[in-house]
Amino acid sequence: MTKGKRRSQQEWQSIFQQQKESGLNVQIYCEQHDLCSKTFYAHRRKVLTSHKTPLPKSQFIKIQNKPGSTNLENESCILHYQDCKIHIHAKTDANWVAQVMKALS
């Protein structure tokens, strides 16, 4: 493996796409293309975090019950955040939900 050619973010995105399309795991792909796997992962993490959807200005999320629902014993809600869906029972502790949401952001 040779020491470092500097690549643009677009070049890294192309490399990530090629690796994905190759069907090879990262380690083998990097060995075959003379890349450092640690560098590959570092740049992939950087690209992924730069594409995160920003949080809305208000950090509160409005949760609504289904129309016509009155019995909260068996109710649950679904929180959607980016690509995640979390099903939460109505009696779940609010502090726990807040910790989960904080961890996802």
N, C-alpha and C. Protein backbone atom coordinates (compact mmCIF):
# COMPACT_ATOMS: atom_id res chain seq x y z
N MET A 1 0.85 -1.16 0.00
CA MET A 1 0.00 0.00 0.00
C MET A 1 0.90 1.23 0.00
N THR A 2 0.64 2.13 -0.91
CA THR A 2 1.46 3.33 -1.00
C THR A 2 0.87 4.43 -0.13
N LYS A 3 1.74 5.34 0.30
CA LYS A 3 1.27 6.46 1.12
C LYS A 3 0.54 7.44 0.25
N GLY A 4 -0.48 7.85 0.65
CA GLY A 4 -1.49 8.71 0.35
C GLY A 4 -1.64 9.68 -0.77
N LYS A 5 -2.33 9.30 -1.73
CA LYS A 5 -2.82 10.24 -2.72
C LYS A 5 -4.02 10.97 -2.09
N ARG A 6 -4.02 12.27 -2.20
CA ARG A 6 -5.17 13.04 -1.69
C ARG A 6 -6.32 12.94 -2.68
N ARG A 7 -7.49 12.64 -2.14
CA ARG A 7 -8.67 12.49 -2.99
C ARG A 7 -9.74 13.47 -2.55
N SER A 8 -10.52 13.91 -3.50
CA SER A 8 -11.64 14.81 -3.19
C SER A 8 -12.80 13.98 -2.62
N GLN A 9 -13.76 14.68 -2.07
CA GLN A 9 -14.95 14.00 -1.54
C GLN A 9 -15.68 13.26 -2.65
N GLN A 10 -15.71 13.83 -3.85
CA GLN A 10 -16.37 13.18 -4.99
C GLN A 10 -15.64 11.89 -5.35
N GLU A 11 -14.29 11.92 -5.31
CA GLU A 11 -13.53 10.71 -5.60
C GLU A 11 -13.82 9.63 -4.58
N TRP A 12 -13.90 10.02 -3.29
CA TRP A 12 -14.21 9.03 -2.26
C TRP A 12 -15.61 8.46 -2.46
N GLN A 13 -16.56 9.29 -2.81
CA GLN A 13 -17.92 8.78 -3.05
C GLN A 13 -17.92 7.78 -4.19
N SER A 14 -17.12 8.05 -5.21
CA SER A 14 -17.01 7.12 -6.33
C SER A 14 -16.39 5.80 -5.86
N ILE A 15 -15.38 5.89 -5.02
CA ILE A 15 -14.73 4.68 -4.48
C ILE A 15 -15.73 3.88 -3.65
N PHE A 16 -16.52 4.56 -2.81
CA PHE A 16 -17.51 3.86 -1.98
C PHE A 16 -18.52 3.14 -2.86
N GLN A 17 -18.95 3.79 -3.93
CA GLN A 17 -19.92 3.19 -4.85
C GLN A 17 -19.30 1.97 -5.55
N GLN A 18 -18.06 2.10 -5.99
CA GLN A 18 -17.39 1.00 -6.67
C GLN A 18 -17.22 -0.19 -5.73
N GLN A 19 -16.87 0.09 -4.48
CA GLN A 19 -16.72 -1.00 -3.50
C GLN A 19 -18.05 -1.71 -3.31
N LYS A 20 -19.11 -0.94 -3.17
CA LYS A 20 -20.44 -1.52 -2.97
C LYS A 20 -20.84 -2.39 -4.17
N GLU A 21 -20.62 -1.86 -5.37
CA GLU A 21 -21.00 -2.58 -6.59
C GLU A 21 -20.12 -3.82 -6.82
N SER A 22 -18.91 -3.80 -6.28
CA SER A 22 -17.99 -4.93 -6.49
C SER A 22 -18.45 -6.18 -5.75
N GLY A 23 -19.22 -6.00 -4.68
CA GLY A 23 -19.65 -7.14 -3.88
C GLY A 23 -18.57 -7.62 -2.92
N LEU A 24 -17.42 -6.97 -2.93
CA LEU A 24 -16.32 -7.34 -2.03
C LEU A 24 -16.49 -6.62 -0.70
N ASN A 25 -16.00 -7.27 0.37
CA ASN A 25 -16.01 -6.54 1.63
C ASN A 25 -14.92 -5.48 1.57
N VAL A 26 -14.97 -4.54 2.51
CA VAL A 26 -14.07 -3.39 2.47
C VAL A 26 -12.61 -3.81 2.52
N GLN A 27 -12.28 -4.75 3.38
CA GLN A 27 -10.89 -5.17 3.54
C GLN A 27 -10.31 -5.70 2.22
N ILE A 28 -11.02 -6.58 1.57
CA ILE A 28 -10.53 -7.17 0.31
C ILE A 28 -10.49 -6.11 -0.79
N TYR A 29 -11.54 -5.28 -0.87
CA TYR A 29 -11.56 -4.23 -1.88
C TYR A 29 -10.36 -3.30 -1.71
N CYS A 30 -10.10 -2.90 -0.47
CA CYS A 30 -8.97 -2.00 -0.21
C CYS A 30 -7.64 -2.65 -0.57
N GLU A 31 -7.48 -3.92 -0.24
CA GLU A 31 -6.24 -4.61 -0.59
C GLU A 31 -6.05 -4.66 -2.11
N GLN A 32 -7.13 -4.93 -2.83
CA GLN A 32 -7.04 -5.03 -4.29
C GLN A 32 -6.81 -3.68 -4.96
N HIS A 33 -7.20 -2.59 -4.30
CA HIS A 33 -7.08 -1.26 -4.90
C HIS A 33 -6.03 -0.39 -4.20
N ASP A 34 -5.17 -1.04 -3.42
CA ASP A 34 -4.07 -0.35 -2.76
C ASP A 34 -4.55 0.82 -1.91
N LEU A 35 -5.60 0.55 -1.11
CA LEU A 35 -6.15 1.55 -0.20
C LEU A 35 -5.99 1.07 1.23
N CYS A 36 -5.85 2.00 2.14
CA CYS A 36 -5.83 1.67 3.56
C CYS A 36 -7.27 1.58 4.04
N SER A 37 -7.65 0.46 4.64
CA SER A 37 -9.04 0.29 5.07
C SER A 37 -9.41 1.30 6.15
N LYS A 38 -8.45 1.66 7.01
CA LYS A 38 -8.75 2.66 8.05
C LYS A 38 -9.09 4.01 7.40
N THR A 39 -8.36 4.36 6.37
CA THR A 39 -8.63 5.61 5.65
C THR A 39 -9.98 5.53 4.95
N PHE A 40 -10.28 4.38 4.35
CA PHE A 40 -11.56 4.16 3.69
C PHE A 40 -12.70 4.42 4.68
N TYR A 41 -12.63 3.76 5.85
CA TYR A 41 -13.68 3.91 6.85
C TYR A 41 -13.78 5.35 7.37
N ALA A 42 -12.63 5.99 7.57
CA ALA A 42 -12.63 7.37 8.07
C ALA A 42 -13.32 8.32 7.09
N HIS A 43 -13.00 8.17 5.81
CA HIS A 43 -13.63 9.04 4.81
C HIS A 43 -15.10 8.69 4.62
N ARG A 44 -15.45 7.42 4.72
CA ARG A 44 -16.86 7.05 4.58
C ARG A 44 -17.67 7.63 5.74
N ARG A 45 -17.12 7.55 6.95
CA ARG A 45 -17.80 8.12 8.11
C ARG A 45 -17.97 9.63 7.93
N LYS A 46 -16.92 10.30 7.43
CA LYS A 46 -16.98 11.74 7.21
C LYS A 46 -18.05 12.10 6.18
N VAL A 47 -18.12 11.34 5.09
CA VAL A 47 -19.12 11.60 4.05
C VAL A 47 -20.52 11.34 4.59
N LEU A 48 -20.70 10.25 5.33
CA LEU A 48 -22.03 9.92 5.86
C LEU A 48 -22.51 10.97 6.86
N THR A 49 -21.62 11.45 7.72
CA THR A 49 -22.05 12.43 8.71
C THR A 49 -22.30 13.79 8.08
N SER A 50 -21.64 14.08 6.97
CA SER A 50 -21.88 15.37 6.31
C SER A 50 -23.21 15.37 5.57
N HIS A 51 -23.80 14.19 5.33
CA HIS A 51 -25.08 14.10 4.62
C HIS A 51 -26.26 13.93 5.57
N LYS A 52 -26.01 14.00 6.87
CA LYS A 52 -27.10 13.86 7.82
C LYS A 52 -28.11 14.97 7.64
N THR A 53 -29.36 14.62 7.78
CA THR A 53 -30.41 15.62 7.71
C THR A 53 -30.34 16.46 8.98
N PRO A 54 -30.27 17.78 8.85
CA PRO A 54 -30.20 18.61 10.05
C PRO A 54 -31.50 18.53 10.85
N LEU A 55 -31.37 18.66 12.15
CA LEU A 55 -32.55 18.65 13.00
C LEU A 55 -33.34 19.93 12.77
N PRO A 56 -34.64 19.85 12.89
CA PRO A 56 -35.42 21.08 12.77
C PRO A 56 -35.04 22.04 13.90
N LYS A 57 -35.34 23.33 13.71
CA LYS A 57 -34.96 24.33 14.72
C LYS A 57 -35.57 23.98 16.07
N SER A 58 -36.81 23.55 16.09
CA SER A 58 -37.43 23.11 17.32
C SER A 58 -37.04 21.66 17.55
N GLN A 59 -36.59 21.34 18.74
CA GLN A 59 -36.18 19.97 19.01
C GLN A 59 -37.33 19.14 19.58
N PHE A 60 -38.51 19.71 19.60
CA PHE A 60 -39.67 18.96 20.06
C PHE A 60 -40.32 18.26 18.88
N ILE A 61 -40.79 17.07 19.13
CA ILE A 61 -41.48 16.30 18.10
C ILE A 61 -42.91 16.10 18.57
N LYS A 62 -43.84 16.50 17.73
CA LYS A 62 -45.25 16.37 18.08
C LYS A 62 -45.70 14.94 17.83
N ILE A 63 -46.30 14.34 18.83
CA ILE A 63 -46.81 12.98 18.71
C ILE A 63 -48.32 13.05 18.84
N GLN A 64 -49.00 12.46 17.87
CA GLN A 64 -50.45 12.48 17.88
C GLN A 64 -51.00 11.07 17.99
N ASN A 65 -52.10 10.95 18.71
CA ASN A 65 -52.80 9.67 18.76
C ASN A 65 -53.54 9.45 17.45
N LYS A 66 -53.81 8.20 17.16
CA LYS A 66 -54.62 7.89 15.99
C LYS A 66 -56.02 8.45 16.20
N PRO A 67 -56.65 8.93 15.14
CA PRO A 67 -58.03 9.43 15.29
C PRO A 67 -58.94 8.34 15.83
N GLY A 68 -59.75 8.70 16.80
CA GLY A 68 -60.72 7.76 17.35
C GLY A 68 -60.17 6.87 18.45
N SER A 69 -58.88 7.00 18.80
CA SER A 69 -58.34 6.13 19.84
C SER A 69 -58.62 6.74 21.21
N THR A 70 -59.08 5.90 22.13
CA THR A 70 -59.39 6.38 23.47
C THR A 70 -58.69 5.55 24.53
N ASN A 71 -58.46 4.30 24.28
CA ASN A 71 -57.85 3.41 25.25
C ASN A 71 -56.33 3.42 25.09
N LEU A 72 -55.62 3.99 26.05
CA LEU A 72 -54.15 4.06 25.97
C LEU A 72 -53.46 2.79 26.46
N GLU A 73 -54.22 1.85 27.02
CA GLU A 73 -53.61 0.62 27.53
C GLU A 73 -52.82 -0.12 26.47
N ASN A 74 -53.36 -0.24 25.28
CA ASN A 74 -52.72 -1.01 24.22
C ASN A 74 -52.18 -0.13 23.10
N GLU A 75 -52.13 1.17 23.31
CA GLU A 75 -51.69 2.10 22.28
C GLU A 75 -50.17 2.14 22.20
N SER A 76 -49.71 2.44 21.03
CA SER A 76 -48.29 2.67 20.83
C SER A 76 -48.15 3.76 19.78
N CYS A 77 -46.96 4.30 19.68
CA CYS A 77 -46.72 5.28 18.63
C CYS A 77 -45.46 4.87 17.88
N ILE A 78 -45.29 5.42 16.72
CA ILE A 78 -44.12 5.14 15.90
C ILE A 78 -43.39 6.45 15.70
N LEU A 79 -42.13 6.48 16.11
CA LEU A 79 -41.31 7.65 15.88
C LEU A 79 -40.49 7.41 14.62
N HIS A 80 -40.52 8.36 13.71
CA HIS A 80 -39.73 8.28 12.48
C HIS A 80 -38.63 9.33 12.57
N TYR A 81 -37.40 8.90 12.37
CA TYR A 81 -36.27 9.84 12.33
C TYR A 81 -35.29 9.33 11.30
N GLN A 82 -35.08 10.10 10.24
CA GLN A 82 -34.24 9.72 9.12
C GLN A 82 -34.67 8.34 8.62
N ASP A 83 -33.81 7.33 8.71
CA ASP A 83 -34.17 6.00 8.21
C ASP A 83 -34.64 5.06 9.31
N CYS A 84 -34.90 5.59 10.49
CA CYS A 84 -35.27 4.75 11.64
C CYS A 84 -36.76 4.86 11.94
N LYS A 85 -37.31 3.74 12.38
CA LYS A 85 -38.67 3.71 12.90
C LYS A 85 -38.59 3.04 14.26
N ILE A 86 -39.15 3.69 15.27
CA ILE A 86 -39.15 3.12 16.61
C ILE A 86 -40.60 3.02 17.07
N HIS A 87 -41.02 1.81 17.40
CA HIS A 87 -42.35 1.58 17.94
C HIS A 87 -42.25 1.67 19.46
N ILE A 88 -43.04 2.56 20.05
CA ILE A 88 -42.96 2.78 21.49
C ILE A 88 -44.34 2.61 22.09
N HIS A 89 -44.41 1.81 23.15
CA HIS A 89 -45.66 1.60 23.86
C HIS A 89 -46.03 2.88 24.59
N ALA A 90 -47.31 3.15 24.73
CA ALA A 90 -47.79 4.39 25.34
C ALA A 90 -47.31 4.57 26.77
N LYS A 91 -47.05 3.50 27.47
CA LYS A 91 -46.63 3.62 28.87
C LYS A 91 -45.11 3.65 29.04
N THR A 92 -44.37 3.79 27.96
CA THR A 92 -42.91 3.84 28.03
C THR A 92 -42.48 5.12 28.74
N ASP A 93 -41.47 5.00 29.58
CA ASP A 93 -40.94 6.13 30.33
C ASP A 93 -40.42 7.22 29.39
N ALA A 94 -40.88 8.44 29.58
CA ALA A 94 -40.50 9.56 28.72
C ALA A 94 -39.00 9.84 28.76
N ASN A 95 -38.36 9.65 29.92
CA ASN A 95 -36.91 9.88 30.02
C ASN A 95 -36.14 8.90 29.15
N TRP A 96 -36.59 7.67 29.10
CA TRP A 96 -35.95 6.66 28.25
C TRP A 96 -36.08 7.05 26.78
N VAL A 97 -37.28 7.49 26.38
CA VAL A 97 -37.50 7.91 25.00
C VAL A 97 -36.57 9.08 24.66
N ALA A 98 -36.43 10.02 25.59
CA ALA A 98 -35.56 11.18 25.36
C ALA A 98 -34.12 10.74 25.19
N GLN A 99 -33.65 9.77 25.95
CA GLN A 99 -32.28 9.26 25.82
C GLN A 99 -32.07 8.59 24.46
N VAL A 100 -33.06 7.84 24.02
CA VAL A 100 -32.97 7.19 22.72
C VAL A 100 -32.89 8.23 21.60
N MET A 101 -33.75 9.22 21.68
CA MET A 101 -33.76 10.28 20.66
C MET A 101 -32.44 11.05 20.64
N LYS A 102 -31.89 11.30 21.82
CA LYS A 102 -30.61 12.01 21.91
C LYS A 102 -29.51 11.16 21.27
N ALA A 103 -29.54 9.87 21.52
CA ALA A 103 -28.53 8.98 20.95
C ALA A 103 -28.63 8.91 19.42
N LEU A 104 -29.82 9.05 18.87
CA LEU A 104 -30.00 9.00 17.43
C LEU A 104 -29.57 10.27 16.72
N SER A 105 -29.56 11.36 17.45
CA SER A 105 -29.25 12.65 16.78
C SER A 105 -27.76 12.87 16.59
